[in-house]
Amino acid sequence: MYKMSMIFVLELQRFAELKWIIAVSVLCVSMLLILAMVSYVIWYMKREVVKPLEQMTKASMQVQMGQFNHIQLDTESNNELGILAKVFTQMSSELGRLYSRLEDAVNEQNAKSCVKPTAL
């Protein structure tokens, strides 16, 4: 009887250890999957959000310095950043045209004011 209960206890212990190994294995696989998913989300966010915003910042700085033909922005995306890039590009082009017209008007005005009056 003692030998039978000892075998039963050993089998029960082996079964408990097997369940423990399975639980730890599932936990490790789950952690690896979570790590992979988080890495993918970070990569995707960097590619789809951070990089376009960095390009938009560079283009804004160029426009601020008077370079209205700024770096090429991704205007093909149909998301909010793509629409913003398209509108920003149109705005900077229009601003460049207006600035050019203003410079022409100022130069023309300066040329007129530099003409000496004729003698009476």
C-alpha atoms as a PDB file:
ATOM      1  CA  MET A   1       0.000   0.000   0.000  1.00  0.00           C
ATOM      2  CA  TYR A   2       2.856   2.347   0.874  1.00  0.00           C
ATOM      3  CA  LYS A   3       4.506   1.651  -2.492  1.00  0.00           C
ATOM      4  CA  MET A   4       1.257   2.378  -4.374  1.00  0.00           C
ATOM      5  CA  SER A   5       0.726   5.703  -2.615  1.00  0.00           C
ATOM      6  CA  MET A   6       4.370   6.613  -3.270  1.00  0.00           C
ATOM      7  CA  ILE A   7       3.957   5.895  -7.003  1.00  0.00           C
ATOM      8  CA  PHE A   8       0.760   7.942  -6.995  1.00  0.00           C
ATOM      9  CA  VAL A   9       2.542  10.874  -5.321  1.00  0.00           C
ATOM     10  CA  LEU A  10       5.433  10.670  -7.792  1.00  0.00           C
ATOM     11  CA  GLU A  11       3.047  10.601 -10.757  1.00  0.00           C
ATOM     12  CA  LEU A  12       1.121  13.509  -9.282  1.00  0.00           C
ATOM     13  CA  GLN A  13       4.383  15.453  -8.810  1.00  0.00           C
ATOM     14  CA  ARG A  14       5.501  14.710 -12.378  1.00  0.00           C
ATOM     15  CA  PHE A  15       2.132  15.868 -13.695  1.00  0.00           C
ATOM     16  CA  ALA A  16       2.383  19.095 -11.652  1.00  0.00           C
ATOM     17  CA  GLU A  17       5.911  19.708 -12.965  1.00  0.00           C
ATOM     18  CA  LEU A  18       4.706  19.144 -16.539  1.00  0.00           C
ATOM     19  CA  LYS A  19       1.904  21.644 -16.024  1.00  0.00           C
ATOM     20  CA  TRP A  20       4.460  24.123 -14.595  1.00  0.00           C
ATOM     21  CA  ILE A  21       6.743  23.686 -17.620  1.00  0.00           C
ATOM     22  CA  ILE A  22       3.820  24.191 -19.999  1.00  0.00           C
ATOM     23  CA  ALA A  23       2.709  27.329 -18.106  1.00  0.00           C
ATOM     24  CA  VAL A  24       6.228  28.830 -18.171  1.00  0.00           C
ATOM     25  CA  SER A  25       6.584  27.984 -21.872  1.00  0.00           C
ATOM     26  CA  VAL A  26       3.275  29.662 -22.704  1.00  0.00           C
ATOM     27  CA  LEU A  27       4.324  32.677 -20.657  1.00  0.00           C
ATOM     28  CA  CYS A  28       7.667  32.949 -22.499  1.00  0.00           C
ATOM     29  CA  VAL A  29       6.038  32.621 -25.921  1.00  0.00           C
ATOM     30  CA  SER A  30       3.443  35.232 -24.936  1.00  0.00           C
ATOM     31  CA  MET A  31       6.164  37.650 -23.803  1.00  0.00           C
ATOM     32  CA  LEU A  32       8.038  37.179 -27.087  1.00  0.00           C
ATOM     33  CA  LEU A  33       4.861  37.830 -29.084  1.00  0.00           C
ATOM     34  CA  ILE A  34       4.138  40.964 -27.050  1.00  0.00           C
ATOM     35  CA  LEU A  35       7.710  42.166 -27.598  1.00  0.00           C
ATOM     36  CA  ALA A  36       7.385  41.544 -31.347  1.00  0.00           C
ATOM     37  CA  MET A  37       4.054  43.399 -31.507  1.00  0.00           C
ATOM     38  CA  VAL A  38       5.408  46.385 -29.563  1.00  0.00           C
ATOM     39  CA  SER A  39       8.478  46.508 -31.813  1.00  0.00           C
ATOM     40  CA  TYR A  40       6.256  46.482 -34.899  1.00  0.00           C
ATOM     41  CA  VAL A  41       4.036  49.274 -33.542  1.00  0.00           C
ATOM     42  CA  ILE A  42       7.091  51.414 -32.737  1.00  0.00           C
ATOM     43  CA  TRP A  43       8.552  50.816 -36.202  1.00  0.00           C
ATOM     44  CA  TYR A  44       5.219  51.587 -37.896  1.00  0.00           C
ATOM     45  CA  MET A  45       4.649  54.761 -35.887  1.00  0.00           C
ATOM     46  CA  LYS A  46       8.151  55.975 -36.659  1.00  0.00           C
ATOM     47  CA  ARG A  47       7.683  55.356 -40.383  1.00  0.00           C
ATOM     48  CA  GLU A  48       4.140  56.693 -40.700  1.00  0.00           C
ATOM     49  CA  VAL A  49       4.072  59.523 -38.149  1.00  0.00           C
ATOM     50  CA  VAL A  50       7.478  60.600 -36.855  1.00  0.00           C
ATOM     51  CA  LYS A  51       9.335  60.684 -40.187  1.00  0.00           C
ATOM     52  CA  PRO A  52       6.654  62.731 -42.015  1.00  0.00           C
ATOM     53  CA  LEU A  53       6.490  65.156 -39.082  1.00  0.00           C
ATOM     54  CA  GLU A  54      10.278  65.551 -39.148  1.00  0.00           C
ATOM     55  CA  GLN A  55      10.121  66.291 -42.895  1.00  0.00           C
ATOM     56  CA  MET A  56       7.310  68.782 -42.299  1.00  0.00           C
ATOM     57  CA  THR A  57       9.431  70.494 -39.639  1.00  0.00           C
ATOM     58  CA  LYS A  58      12.414  70.745 -42.013  1.00  0.00           C
ATOM     59  CA  ALA A  59      10.191  72.136 -44.765  1.00  0.00           C
ATOM     60  CA  SER A  60       8.705  74.685 -42.344  1.00  0.00           C
ATOM     61  CA  MET A  61      12.183  75.822 -41.366  1.00  0.00           C
ATOM     62  CA  GLN A  62      13.119  76.202 -45.030  1.00  0.00           C
ATOM     63  CA  VAL A  63      10.024  78.304 -45.712  1.00  0.00           C
ATOM     64  CA  GLN A  64      10.823  80.391 -42.634  1.00  0.00           C
ATOM     65  CA  MET A  65      14.247  81.124 -44.152  1.00  0.00           C
ATOM     66  CA  GLY A  66      12.658  82.179 -47.447  1.00  0.00           C
ATOM     67  CA  GLN A  67      13.292  78.945 -49.348  1.00  0.00           C
ATOM     68  CA  PHE A  68       9.801  78.381 -50.708  1.00  0.00           C
ATOM     69  CA  ASN A  69      10.897  75.384 -52.801  1.00  0.00           C
ATOM     70  CA  HIS A  70      11.331  73.195 -49.743  1.00  0.00           C
ATOM     71  CA  ILE A  71      12.219  69.502 -49.539  1.00  0.00           C
ATOM     72  CA  GLN A  72       9.798  67.098 -51.176  1.00  0.00           C
ATOM     73  CA  LEU A  73       7.016  66.017 -48.830  1.00  0.00           C
ATOM     74  CA  ASP A  74       4.949  62.848 -49.167  1.00  0.00           C
ATOM     75  CA  THR A  75       1.733  64.231 -50.648  1.00  0.00           C
ATOM     76  CA  GLU A  76       0.547  60.849 -51.926  1.00  0.00           C
ATOM     77  CA  SER A  77      -0.651  59.542 -48.554  1.00  0.00           C
ATOM     78  CA  ASN A  78      -4.393  59.711 -48.027  1.00  0.00           C
ATOM     79  CA  ASN A  79      -4.086  60.141 -44.284  1.00  0.00           C
ATOM     80  CA  GLU A  80      -4.083  63.388 -42.317  1.00  0.00           C
ATOM     81  CA  LEU A  81      -0.320  63.876 -42.684  1.00  0.00           C
ATOM     82  CA  GLY A  82      -0.517  63.430 -46.453  1.00  0.00           C
ATOM     83  CA  ILE A  83      -3.287  65.993 -46.698  1.00  0.00           C
ATOM     84  CA  LEU A  84      -1.345  68.370 -44.464  1.00  0.00           C
ATOM     85  CA  ALA A  85       1.773  67.918 -46.629  1.00  0.00           C
ATOM     86  CA  LYS A  86      -0.231  68.626 -49.793  1.00  0.00           C
ATOM     87  CA  VAL A  87      -1.788  71.770 -48.324  1.00  0.00           C
ATOM     88  CA  PHE A  88       1.577  72.911 -46.930  1.00  0.00           C
ATOM     89  CA  THR A  89       3.221  72.477 -50.345  1.00  0.00           C
ATOM     90  CA  GLN A  90       0.439  74.453 -52.047  1.00  0.00           C
ATOM     91  CA  MET A  91       0.623  77.158 -49.382  1.00  0.00           C
ATOM     92  CA  SER A  92       4.392  77.538 -49.668  1.00  0.00           C
ATOM     93  CA  SER A  93       4.180  77.696 -53.478  1.00  0.00           C
ATOM     94  CA  GLU A  94       1.553  80.426 -53.278  1.00  0.00           C
ATOM     95  CA  LEU A  95       3.577  82.244 -50.636  1.00  0.00           C
ATOM     96  CA  GLY A  96       6.625  82.063 -52.912  1.00  0.00           C
ATOM     97  CA  ARG A  97       4.656  83.556 -55.805  1.00  0.00           C
ATOM     98  CA  LEU A  98       3.323  86.361 -53.609  1.00  0.00           C
ATOM     99  CA  TYR A  99       6.784  87.053 -52.218  1.00  0.00           C
ATOM    100  CA  SER A 100       8.212  87.210 -55.737  1.00  0.00           C
ATOM    101  CA  ARG A 101       5.495  89.665 -56.811  1.00  0.00           C
ATOM    102  CA  LEU A 102       6.175  91.795 -53.748  1.00  0.00           C
ATOM    103  CA  GLU A 103       9.906  91.869 -54.516  1.00  0.00           C
ATOM    104  CA  ASP A 104       9.130  92.881 -58.118  1.00  0.00           C
ATOM    105  CA  ALA A 105       6.835  95.679 -56.917  1.00  0.00           C
ATOM    106  CA  VAL A 106       9.441  96.936 -54.450  1.00  0.00           C
ATOM    107  CA  ASN A 107      12.171  96.849 -57.109  1.00  0.00           C
ATOM    108  CA  GLU A 108       9.900  98.689 -59.540  1.00  0.00           C
ATOM    109  CA  GLN A 109       9.082 101.306 -56.916  1.00  0.00           C
ATOM    110  CA  ASN A 110      12.773 101.721 -56.108  1.00  0.00           C
ATOM    111  CA  ALA A 111      13.579 102.126 -59.786  1.00  0.00           C
ATOM    112  CA  LYS A 112      10.936 104.844 -60.136  1.00  0.00           C
ATOM    113  CA  SER A 113      12.188 106.718 -57.098  1.00  0.00           C
ATOM    114  CA  CYS A 114      15.787 106.626 -58.356  1.00  0.00           C
ATOM    115  CA  VAL A 115      14.899 108.476 -61.585  1.00  0.00           C
ATOM    116  CA  LYS A 116      16.152 112.074 -61.415  1.00  0.00           C
ATOM    117  CA  PRO A 117      13.579 114.745 -62.028  1.00  0.00           C
ATOM    118  CA  THR A 118      14.021 116.592 -65.296  1.00  0.00           C
ATOM    119  CA  ALA A 119      14.863 120.259 -65.328  1.00  0.00           C
ATOM    120  CA  LEU A 120      11.999 122.642 -65.814  1.00  0.00           C
END
